[in-house]
Amino acid sequence: MSKRLEILKQSLIKKEAQLSNRISAHFDTVKQANGQPLNDKRNGRATLNKWEKQNDAIRNLMTSIDKTKNAIDAEESKIACVNRVNSFIPVEIKALVESGDLIQWRKHPHTFFVDGVDKARIVWLEKKKQVAHKFTSQIGDKEQLSKFAKVYNALFKSLNGK
């Protein structure tokens, strides 16, 4: 489970607990009134306004819970997509991702970033069964360039040389 998914699930648990507290507080307020303030000309409107505020808070919390559930679904689908793509990626790339030398982009799971390098990317071309690179000309720092070249060249030799 990813860290983001963990955070979203914890948020959902907190929001659902808060919703149940708000609903029980609302029902307690309604029971407390016992119908009497509604007949009162001085305080009836204030009681109705209080109930409406509580209803609005409950509705807002329910929409927030729906948004969190949608975010959890989206996160789970991203994780499933990454897992599906990982079934086609070579073992050499998986090993570098697990060691932390490469970072897999979840938006495009076939694209990888070298840890510590800003712009350049390593791309796994599934149809050609080759590794390629993008945006290497935008690396300004020599240290980053040597780090990227070290990782890319090792992958190129092991994967494209087959």
N, C-alpha and C. Protein backbone atom coordinates (compact mmCIF):
# COMPACT_ATOMS: atom_id res chain seq x y z
N MET A 1 0.85 -1.17 0.00
CA MET A 1 0.00 0.00 0.00
C MET A 1 0.90 1.24 0.00
N SER A 2 0.57 2.18 -0.83
CA SER A 2 1.37 3.40 -0.92
C SER A 2 1.07 4.32 0.26
N LYS A 3 1.97 5.23 0.49
CA LYS A 3 1.82 6.17 1.61
C LYS A 3 0.59 7.06 1.41
N ARG A 4 0.37 7.48 0.18
CA ARG A 4 -0.78 8.32 -0.13
C ARG A 4 -2.09 7.59 0.14
N LEU A 5 -2.14 6.32 -0.25
CA LEU A 5 -3.35 5.53 -0.02
C LEU A 5 -3.60 5.34 1.47
N GLU A 6 -2.54 5.13 2.23
CA GLU A 6 -2.66 5.02 3.68
C GLU A 6 -3.24 6.30 4.29
N ILE A 7 -2.73 7.44 3.85
CA ILE A 7 -3.20 8.74 4.35
C ILE A 7 -4.67 8.93 4.00
N LEU A 8 -5.05 8.59 2.78
CA LEU A 8 -6.44 8.74 2.36
C LEU A 8 -7.38 7.86 3.18
N LYS A 9 -6.96 6.63 3.45
CA LYS A 9 -7.81 5.74 4.23
C LYS A 9 -7.95 6.22 5.67
N GLN A 10 -6.86 6.74 6.24
CA GLN A 10 -6.95 7.30 7.60
C GLN A 10 -7.87 8.51 7.62
N SER A 11 -7.78 9.35 6.59
CA SER A 11 -8.65 10.51 6.48
C SER A 11 -10.11 10.10 6.40
N LEU A 12 -10.38 9.06 5.62
CA LEU A 12 -11.75 8.58 5.49
C LEU A 12 -12.29 8.09 6.84
N ILE A 13 -11.46 7.39 7.59
CA ILE A 13 -11.89 6.90 8.90
C ILE A 13 -12.22 8.07 9.83
N LYS A 14 -11.36 9.09 9.82
CA LYS A 14 -11.59 10.27 10.67
C LYS A 14 -12.87 11.00 10.26
N LYS A 15 -13.08 11.15 8.96
CA LYS A 15 -14.26 11.87 8.49
C LYS A 15 -15.54 11.11 8.81
N GLU A 16 -15.51 9.78 8.70
CA GLU A 16 -16.70 9.01 9.02
C GLU A 16 -17.02 9.08 10.51
N ALA A 17 -15.98 9.08 11.35
CA ALA A 17 -16.20 9.22 12.79
C ALA A 17 -16.77 10.60 13.11
N GLN A 18 -16.24 11.62 12.45
CA GLN A 18 -16.73 12.98 12.65
C GLN A 18 -18.19 13.10 12.19
N LEU A 19 -18.53 12.43 11.09
CA LEU A 19 -19.90 12.45 10.60
C LEU A 19 -20.85 11.82 11.61
N SER A 20 -20.48 10.68 12.16
CA SER A 20 -21.37 10.04 13.14
C SER A 20 -21.52 10.91 14.39
N ASN A 21 -20.44 11.60 14.79
CA ASN A 21 -20.55 12.52 15.94
C ASN A 21 -21.48 13.68 15.64
N ARG A 22 -21.37 14.23 14.44
CA ARG A 22 -22.23 15.37 14.08
C ARG A 22 -23.70 14.96 13.99
N ILE A 23 -23.94 13.77 13.44
CA ILE A 23 -25.32 13.30 13.33
C ILE A 23 -25.92 13.07 14.71
N SER A 24 -25.14 12.44 15.60
CA SER A 24 -25.67 12.20 16.94
C SER A 24 -25.88 13.53 17.69
N ALA A 25 -25.00 14.50 17.48
CA ALA A 25 -25.17 15.82 18.11
C ALA A 25 -26.42 16.51 17.59
N HIS A 26 -26.67 16.36 16.29
CA HIS A 26 -27.86 16.96 15.69
C HIS A 26 -29.13 16.34 16.28
N PHE A 27 -29.16 15.02 16.38
CA PHE A 27 -30.35 14.37 16.94
C PHE A 27 -30.52 14.72 18.42
N ASP A 28 -29.42 14.87 19.14
CA ASP A 28 -29.53 15.29 20.54
C ASP A 28 -30.12 16.69 20.65
N THR A 29 -29.72 17.58 19.75
CA THR A 29 -30.25 18.94 19.75
C THR A 29 -31.75 18.94 19.44
N VAL A 30 -32.14 18.11 18.48
CA VAL A 30 -33.55 18.03 18.11
C VAL A 30 -34.36 17.45 19.26
N LYS A 31 -33.85 16.42 19.92
CA LYS A 31 -34.56 15.83 21.07
C LYS A 31 -34.67 16.83 22.22
N GLN A 32 -33.63 17.62 22.39
CA GLN A 32 -33.61 18.60 23.48
C GLN A 32 -34.72 19.64 23.29
N ALA A 33 -34.98 20.01 22.05
CA ALA A 33 -35.99 21.02 21.77
C ALA A 33 -37.39 20.50 22.10
N ASN A 34 -37.64 19.23 21.84
CA ASN A 34 -38.90 18.58 22.16
C ASN A 34 -40.11 19.33 21.60
N GLY A 35 -39.94 20.06 20.52
CA GLY A 35 -41.04 20.73 19.86
C GLY A 35 -41.44 22.05 20.49
N GLN A 36 -40.97 22.34 21.66
CA GLN A 36 -41.41 23.54 22.36
C GLN A 36 -40.92 24.84 21.72
N PRO A 37 -39.63 24.98 21.40
CA PRO A 37 -39.17 26.27 20.86
C PRO A 37 -39.80 26.61 19.51
N LEU A 38 -40.30 25.64 18.80
CA LEU A 38 -40.89 25.91 17.49
C LEU A 38 -42.21 26.66 17.63
N ASN A 39 -42.87 26.48 18.75
CA ASN A 39 -44.13 27.19 18.99
C ASN A 39 -43.88 28.57 19.59
N ASP A 40 -42.69 28.78 20.06
CA ASP A 40 -42.32 30.03 20.72
C ASP A 40 -42.02 31.08 19.66
N LYS A 41 -42.62 32.26 19.77
CA LYS A 41 -42.41 33.30 18.77
C LYS A 41 -41.03 33.95 18.90
N ARG A 42 -40.45 33.91 20.08
CA ARG A 42 -39.16 34.57 20.28
C ARG A 42 -37.99 33.72 19.77
N ASN A 43 -38.01 32.42 20.01
CA ASN A 43 -36.82 31.60 19.82
C ASN A 43 -36.98 30.54 18.74
N GLY A 44 -38.13 30.43 18.13
CA GLY A 44 -38.38 29.39 17.15
C GLY A 44 -37.47 29.47 15.94
N ARG A 45 -37.31 30.70 15.42
CA ARG A 45 -36.47 30.89 14.24
C ARG A 45 -35.00 30.55 14.54
N ALA A 46 -34.54 30.90 15.73
CA ALA A 46 -33.15 30.61 16.11
C ALA A 46 -32.91 29.11 16.16
N THR A 47 -33.87 28.37 16.66
CA THR A 47 -33.73 26.91 16.73
C THR A 47 -33.70 26.32 15.33
N LEU A 48 -34.58 26.79 14.47
CA LEU A 48 -34.57 26.29 13.09
C LEU A 48 -33.26 26.64 12.38
N ASN A 49 -32.75 27.85 12.62
CA ASN A 49 -31.46 28.23 12.03
C ASN A 49 -30.33 27.33 12.53
N LYS A 50 -30.35 26.99 13.80
CA LYS A 50 -29.34 26.11 14.38
C LYS A 50 -29.41 24.73 13.73
N TRP A 51 -30.61 24.21 13.54
CA TRP A 51 -30.77 22.91 12.90
C TRP A 51 -30.29 22.94 11.45
N GLU A 52 -30.59 24.03 10.77
CA GLU A 52 -30.16 24.15 9.37
C GLU A 52 -28.64 24.21 9.26
N LYS A 53 -27.99 24.91 10.20
CA LYS A 53 -26.52 24.96 10.23
C LYS A 53 -25.95 23.56 10.43
N GLN A 54 -26.56 22.82 11.34
CA GLN A 54 -26.08 21.46 11.59
C GLN A 54 -26.29 20.58 10.35
N ASN A 55 -27.42 20.74 9.68
CA ASN A 55 -27.67 19.98 8.45
C ASN A 55 -26.66 20.33 7.36
N ASP A 56 -26.33 21.62 7.23
CA ASP A 56 -25.34 22.03 6.24
C ASP A 56 -23.97 21.43 6.54
N ALA A 57 -23.60 21.41 7.81
CA ALA A 57 -22.31 20.83 8.19
C ALA A 57 -22.29 19.34 7.87
N ILE A 58 -23.39 18.66 8.11
CA ILE A 58 -23.47 17.22 7.81
C ILE A 58 -23.38 16.99 6.30
N ARG A 59 -24.10 17.80 5.52
CA ARG A 59 -24.04 17.66 4.06
C ARG A 59 -22.63 17.90 3.53
N ASN A 60 -21.96 18.95 4.04
CA ASN A 60 -20.60 19.25 3.60
C ASN A 60 -19.64 18.10 3.94
N LEU A 61 -19.82 17.53 5.10
CA LEU A 61 -18.97 16.41 5.51
C LEU A 61 -19.23 15.19 4.63
N MET A 62 -20.48 14.98 4.24
CA MET A 62 -20.81 13.85 3.37
C MET A 62 -20.18 14.02 1.98
N THR A 63 -20.18 15.25 1.45
CA THR A 63 -19.53 15.47 0.15
C THR A 63 -18.02 15.29 0.27
N SER A 64 -17.47 15.70 1.41
CA SER A 64 -16.04 15.51 1.64
C SER A 64 -15.69 14.02 1.70
N ILE A 65 -16.56 13.23 2.32
CA ILE A 65 -16.34 11.78 2.38
C ILE A 65 -16.41 11.18 0.98
N ASP A 66 -17.36 11.65 0.16
CA ASP A 66 -17.45 11.15 -1.22
C ASP A 66 -16.20 11.48 -2.01
N LYS A 67 -15.66 12.68 -1.84
CA LYS A 67 -14.43 13.06 -2.53
C LYS A 67 -13.27 12.18 -2.09
N THR A 68 -13.19 11.89 -0.80
CA THR A 68 -12.12 11.03 -0.29
C THR A 68 -12.25 9.62 -0.85
N LYS A 69 -13.49 9.11 -0.93
CA LYS A 69 -13.69 7.78 -1.50
C LYS A 69 -13.28 7.74 -2.97
N ASN A 70 -13.60 8.80 -3.71
CA ASN A 70 -13.19 8.87 -5.11
C ASN A 70 -11.67 8.93 -5.24
N ALA A 71 -11.02 9.66 -4.33
CA ALA A 71 -9.56 9.74 -4.35
C ALA A 71 -8.94 8.39 -4.04
N ILE A 72 -9.55 7.64 -3.13
CA ILE A 72 -9.05 6.30 -2.81
C ILE A 72 -9.19 5.38 -4.02
N ASP A 73 -10.32 5.46 -4.70
CA ASP A 73 -10.52 4.65 -5.91
C ASP A 73 -9.50 5.00 -6.98
N ALA A 74 -9.25 6.29 -7.17
CA ALA A 74 -8.26 6.73 -8.17
C ALA A 74 -6.87 6.23 -7.80
N GLU A 75 -6.53 6.31 -6.53
CA GLU A 75 -5.22 5.86 -6.08
C GLU A 75 -5.06 4.35 -6.27
N GLU A 76 -6.09 3.61 -5.96
CA GLU A 76 -6.04 2.16 -6.15
C GLU A 76 -5.93 1.79 -7.63
N SER A 77 -6.58 2.56 -8.50
CA SER A 77 -6.46 2.27 -9.94
C SER A 77 -5.07 2.61 -10.45
N LYS A 78 -4.45 3.68 -9.91
CA LYS A 78 -3.07 3.99 -10.29
C LYS A 78 -2.12 2.88 -9.86
N ILE A 79 -2.31 2.37 -8.66
CA ILE A 79 -1.47 1.29 -8.16
C ILE A 79 -1.65 0.04 -9.02
N ALA A 80 -2.90 -0.26 -9.39
CA ALA A 80 -3.17 -1.41 -10.25
C ALA A 80 -2.52 -1.25 -11.62
N CYS A 81 -2.54 -0.03 -12.15
CA CYS A 81 -1.91 0.24 -13.45
C CYS A 81 -0.40 0.03 -13.36
N VAL A 82 0.21 0.51 -12.29
CA VAL A 82 1.65 0.33 -12.10
C VAL A 82 1.98 -1.15 -11.98
N ASN A 83 1.18 -1.89 -11.23
CA ASN A 83 1.41 -3.32 -11.09
C ASN A 83 1.26 -4.06 -12.41
N ARG A 84 0.30 -3.63 -13.22
CA ARG A 84 0.11 -4.26 -14.53
C ARG A 84 1.30 -4.00 -15.43
N VAL A 85 1.80 -2.76 -15.43
CA VAL A 85 2.95 -2.42 -16.26
C VAL A 85 4.21 -3.12 -15.74
N ASN A 86 4.31 -3.28 -14.43
CA ASN A 86 5.48 -3.94 -13.85
C ASN A 86 5.59 -5.40 -14.26
N SER A 87 4.50 -6.00 -14.69
CA SER A 87 4.57 -7.38 -15.15
C SER A 87 5.29 -7.50 -16.50
N PHE A 88 5.40 -6.38 -17.24
CA PHE A 88 6.08 -6.40 -18.54
C PHE A 88 7.49 -5.83 -18.48
N ILE A 89 7.82 -5.15 -17.40
CA ILE A 89 9.12 -4.48 -17.30
C ILE A 89 10.20 -5.51 -16.96
N PRO A 90 11.39 -5.37 -17.55
CA PRO A 90 12.48 -6.32 -17.28
C PRO A 90 12.93 -6.30 -15.81
N VAL A 91 13.55 -7.38 -15.41
CA VAL A 91 13.99 -7.56 -14.03
C VAL A 91 15.06 -6.53 -13.66
N GLU A 92 15.90 -6.15 -14.61
CA GLU A 92 16.96 -5.18 -14.33
C GLU A 92 16.39 -3.84 -13.88
N ILE A 93 15.34 -3.40 -14.55
CA ILE A 93 14.71 -2.12 -14.19
C ILE A 93 14.00 -2.26 -12.84
N LYS A 94 13.31 -3.38 -12.62
CA LYS A 94 12.63 -3.60 -11.34
C LYS A 94 13.62 -3.56 -10.18
N ALA A 95 14.79 -4.16 -10.40
CA ALA A 95 15.81 -4.18 -9.33
C ALA A 95 16.28 -2.77 -9.00
N LEU A 96 16.47 -1.92 -10.03
CA LEU A 96 16.88 -0.54 -9.79
C LEU A 96 15.79 0.27 -9.10
N VAL A 97 14.53 -0.02 -9.41
CA VAL A 97 13.42 0.67 -8.75
C VAL A 97 13.36 0.26 -7.27
N GLU A 98 13.53 -1.02 -7.00
CA GLU A 98 13.49 -1.50 -5.62
C GLU A 98 14.66 -0.99 -4.80
N SER A 99 15.82 -0.83 -5.45
CA SER A 99 17.00 -0.32 -4.73
C SER A 99 16.92 1.18 -4.50
N GLY A 100 16.08 1.87 -5.27
CA GLY A 100 15.92 3.31 -5.09
C GLY A 100 16.71 4.14 -6.08
N ASP A 101 17.46 3.50 -6.98
CA ASP A 101 18.22 4.25 -7.99
C ASP A 101 17.30 4.85 -9.05
N LEU A 102 16.22 4.14 -9.35
CA LEU A 102 15.21 4.65 -10.29
C LEU A 102 13.90 4.87 -9.54
N ILE A 103 13.16 5.89 -9.99
CA ILE A 103 11.85 6.19 -9.42
C ILE A 103 10.84 6.05 -10.55
N GLN A 104 9.86 5.17 -10.33
CA GLN A 104 8.84 4.95 -11.37
C GLN A 104 7.78 6.03 -11.29
N TRP A 105 7.46 6.61 -12.44
CA TRP A 105 6.43 7.65 -12.53
C TRP A 105 5.08 6.96 -12.60
N ARG A 106 4.21 7.26 -11.65
CA ARG A 106 2.92 6.58 -11.61
C ARG A 106 1.98 7.05 -12.71
N LYS A 107 2.16 8.28 -13.16
CA LYS A 107 1.29 8.79 -14.22
C LYS A 107 1.56 8.05 -15.53
N HIS A 108 2.84 7.79 -15.80
CA HIS A 108 3.27 7.01 -16.96
C HIS A 108 4.22 5.94 -16.44
N PRO A 109 3.70 4.76 -16.09
CA PRO A 109 4.51 3.76 -15.39
C PRO A 109 5.69 3.20 -16.18
N HIS A 110 5.74 3.44 -17.47
CA HIS A 110 6.88 2.96 -18.25
C HIS A 110 8.03 3.98 -18.26
N THR A 111 7.87 5.09 -17.56
CA THR A 111 8.87 6.15 -17.49
C THR A 111 9.48 6.17 -16.09
N PHE A 112 10.81 6.35 -16.06
CA PHE A 112 11.54 6.30 -14.80
C PHE A 112 12.46 7.51 -14.67
N PHE A 113 12.63 7.98 -13.45
CA PHE A 113 13.55 9.07 -13.15
C PHE A 113 14.73 8.50 -12.38
N VAL A 114 15.90 9.00 -12.68
CA VAL A 114 17.08 8.62 -11.92
C VAL A 114 17.09 9.48 -10.66
N ASP A 115 17.30 8.86 -9.51
CA ASP A 115 17.29 9.57 -8.24
C ASP A 115 18.41 10.60 -8.20
N GLY A 116 18.05 11.86 -7.98
CA GLY A 116 19.02 12.94 -7.91
C GLY A 116 19.23 13.68 -9.21
N VAL A 117 18.57 13.26 -10.28
CA VAL A 117 18.69 13.93 -11.58
C VAL A 117 17.37 14.64 -11.86
N ASP A 118 17.46 15.93 -12.27
CA ASP A 118 16.26 16.75 -12.37
C ASP A 118 15.38 16.46 -13.58
N LYS A 119 15.88 16.60 -14.77
CA LYS A 119 15.03 16.64 -15.96
C LYS A 119 14.94 15.31 -16.71
N ALA A 120 16.02 14.61 -16.88
CA ALA A 120 16.08 13.47 -17.79
C ALA A 120 15.27 12.28 -17.27
N ARG A 121 14.83 11.48 -18.24
CA ARG A 121 14.02 10.31 -17.93
C ARG A 121 14.51 9.10 -18.71
N ILE A 122 14.31 7.95 -18.13
CA ILE A 122 14.58 6.70 -18.83
C ILE A 122 13.21 6.09 -19.15
N VAL A 123 13.05 5.64 -20.40
CA VAL A 123 11.76 5.13 -20.86
C VAL A 123 11.93 3.69 -21.33
N TRP A 124 11.03 2.82 -20.89
CA TRP A 124 11.01 1.45 -21.40
C TRP A 124 10.02 1.38 -22.55
N LEU A 125 10.54 1.05 -23.74
CA LEU A 125 9.71 0.94 -24.94
C LEU A 125 9.26 -0.52 -25.07
N GLU A 126 8.03 -0.77 -24.75
CA GLU A 126 7.52 -2.15 -24.68
C GLU A 126 7.50 -2.82 -26.05
N LYS A 127 7.08 -2.09 -27.08
CA LYS A 127 6.97 -2.69 -28.41
C LYS A 127 8.32 -3.09 -28.97
N LYS A 128 9.33 -2.25 -28.73
CA LYS A 128 10.67 -2.53 -29.25
C LYS A 128 11.51 -3.34 -28.27
N LYS A 129 11.03 -3.47 -27.04
CA LYS A 129 11.77 -4.14 -25.96
C LYS A 129 13.14 -3.50 -25.78
N GLN A 130 13.14 -2.17 -25.73
CA GLN A 130 14.39 -1.42 -25.57
C GLN A 130 14.21 -0.33 -24.52
N VAL A 131 15.34 0.13 -24.01
CA VAL A 131 15.35 1.23 -23.08
C VAL A 131 15.83 2.47 -23.84
N ALA A 132 15.22 3.62 -23.57
CA ALA A 132 15.59 4.87 -24.24
C ALA A 132 15.62 5.98 -23.19
N HIS A 133 16.05 7.16 -23.62
CA HIS A 133 16.09 8.30 -22.69
C HIS A 133 15.42 9.50 -23.31
N LYS A 134 15.00 10.44 -22.45
CA LYS A 134 14.36 11.67 -22.87
C LYS A 134 14.95 12.82 -22.09
N PHE A 135 15.00 13.99 -22.70
CA PHE A 135 15.37 15.25 -22.07
C PHE A 135 16.77 15.25 -21.45
N THR A 136 17.68 14.50 -22.01
CA THR A 136 19.05 14.49 -21.47
C THR A 136 19.77 15.79 -21.78
N SER A 137 19.36 16.50 -22.81
CA SER A 137 20.03 17.76 -23.14
C SER A 137 19.72 18.85 -22.12
N GLN A 138 18.70 18.66 -21.30
CA GLN A 138 18.33 19.67 -20.31
C GLN A 138 19.04 19.49 -18.98
N ILE A 139 19.89 18.47 -18.87
CA ILE A 139 20.67 18.30 -17.64
C ILE A 139 21.81 19.31 -17.67
N GLY A 140 21.82 20.21 -16.71
CA GLY A 140 22.85 21.26 -16.69
C GLY A 140 24.06 20.89 -15.86
N ASP A 141 23.89 20.15 -14.81
CA ASP A 141 24.95 19.83 -13.87
C ASP A 141 25.74 18.61 -14.36
N LYS A 142 27.06 18.70 -14.33
CA LYS A 142 27.92 17.60 -14.80
C LYS A 142 27.78 16.37 -13.88
N GLU A 143 27.61 16.62 -12.60
CA GLU A 143 27.47 15.51 -11.66
C GLU A 143 26.19 14.73 -11.94
N GLN A 144 25.10 15.45 -12.20
CA GLN A 144 23.83 14.80 -12.53
C GLN A 144 23.95 14.04 -13.85
N LEU A 145 24.64 14.62 -14.80
CA LEU A 145 24.81 13.98 -16.10
C LEU A 145 25.58 12.68 -15.97
N SER A 146 26.66 12.70 -15.16
CA SER A 146 27.43 11.47 -14.99
C SER A 146 26.62 10.40 -14.25
N LYS A 147 25.81 10.82 -13.28
CA LYS A 147 24.96 9.88 -12.55
C LYS A 147 23.93 9.26 -13.48
N PHE A 148 23.30 10.10 -14.32
CA PHE A 148 22.30 9.60 -15.27
C PHE A 148 22.96 8.66 -16.27
N ALA A 149 24.13 9.06 -16.79
CA ALA A 149 24.82 8.24 -17.79
C ALA A 149 25.22 6.89 -17.21
N LYS A 150 25.64 6.86 -15.97
CA LYS A 150 26.03 5.61 -15.33
C LYS A 150 24.86 4.63 -15.27
N VAL A 151 23.70 5.11 -14.84
CA VAL A 151 22.52 4.25 -14.72
C VAL A 151 22.01 3.86 -16.11
N TYR A 152 21.92 4.84 -17.00
CA TYR A 152 21.36 4.56 -18.33
C TYR A 152 22.26 3.62 -19.12
N ASN A 153 23.57 3.86 -19.10
CA ASN A 153 24.47 3.02 -19.88
C ASN A 153 24.47 1.58 -19.40
N ALA A 154 24.38 1.37 -18.09
CA ALA A 154 24.30 0.01 -17.56
C ALA A 154 23.03 -0.68 -18.05
N LEU A 155 21.91 0.04 -18.02
CA LEU A 155 20.65 -0.53 -18.52
C LEU A 155 20.71 -0.77 -20.03
N PHE A 156 21.29 0.17 -20.74
CA PHE A 156 21.38 0.04 -22.20
C PHE A 156 22.18 -1.21 -22.58
N LYS A 157 23.30 -1.42 -21.91
CA LYS A 157 24.13 -2.58 -22.22
C LYS A 157 23.41 -3.89 -21.89
N SER A 158 22.73 -3.92 -20.77
CA SER A 158 22.10 -5.18 -20.38
C SER A 158 20.80 -5.47 -21.14
N LEU A 159 20.06 -4.44 -21.51
CA LEU A 159 18.75 -4.67 -22.15
C LEU A 159 18.78 -4.56 -23.68
N ASN A 160 19.47 -3.58 -24.21
CA ASN A 160 19.47 -3.39 -25.66
C ASN A 160 20.50 -4.28 -26.34
N GLY A 161 21.44 -4.80 -25.58
CA GLY A 161 22.45 -5.67 -26.15
C GLY A 161 21.98 -7.08 -26.39
N LYS A 162 20.80 -7.44 -25.87
CA LYS A 162 20.28 -8.81 -26.00
C LYS A 162 19.88 -9.11 -27.42
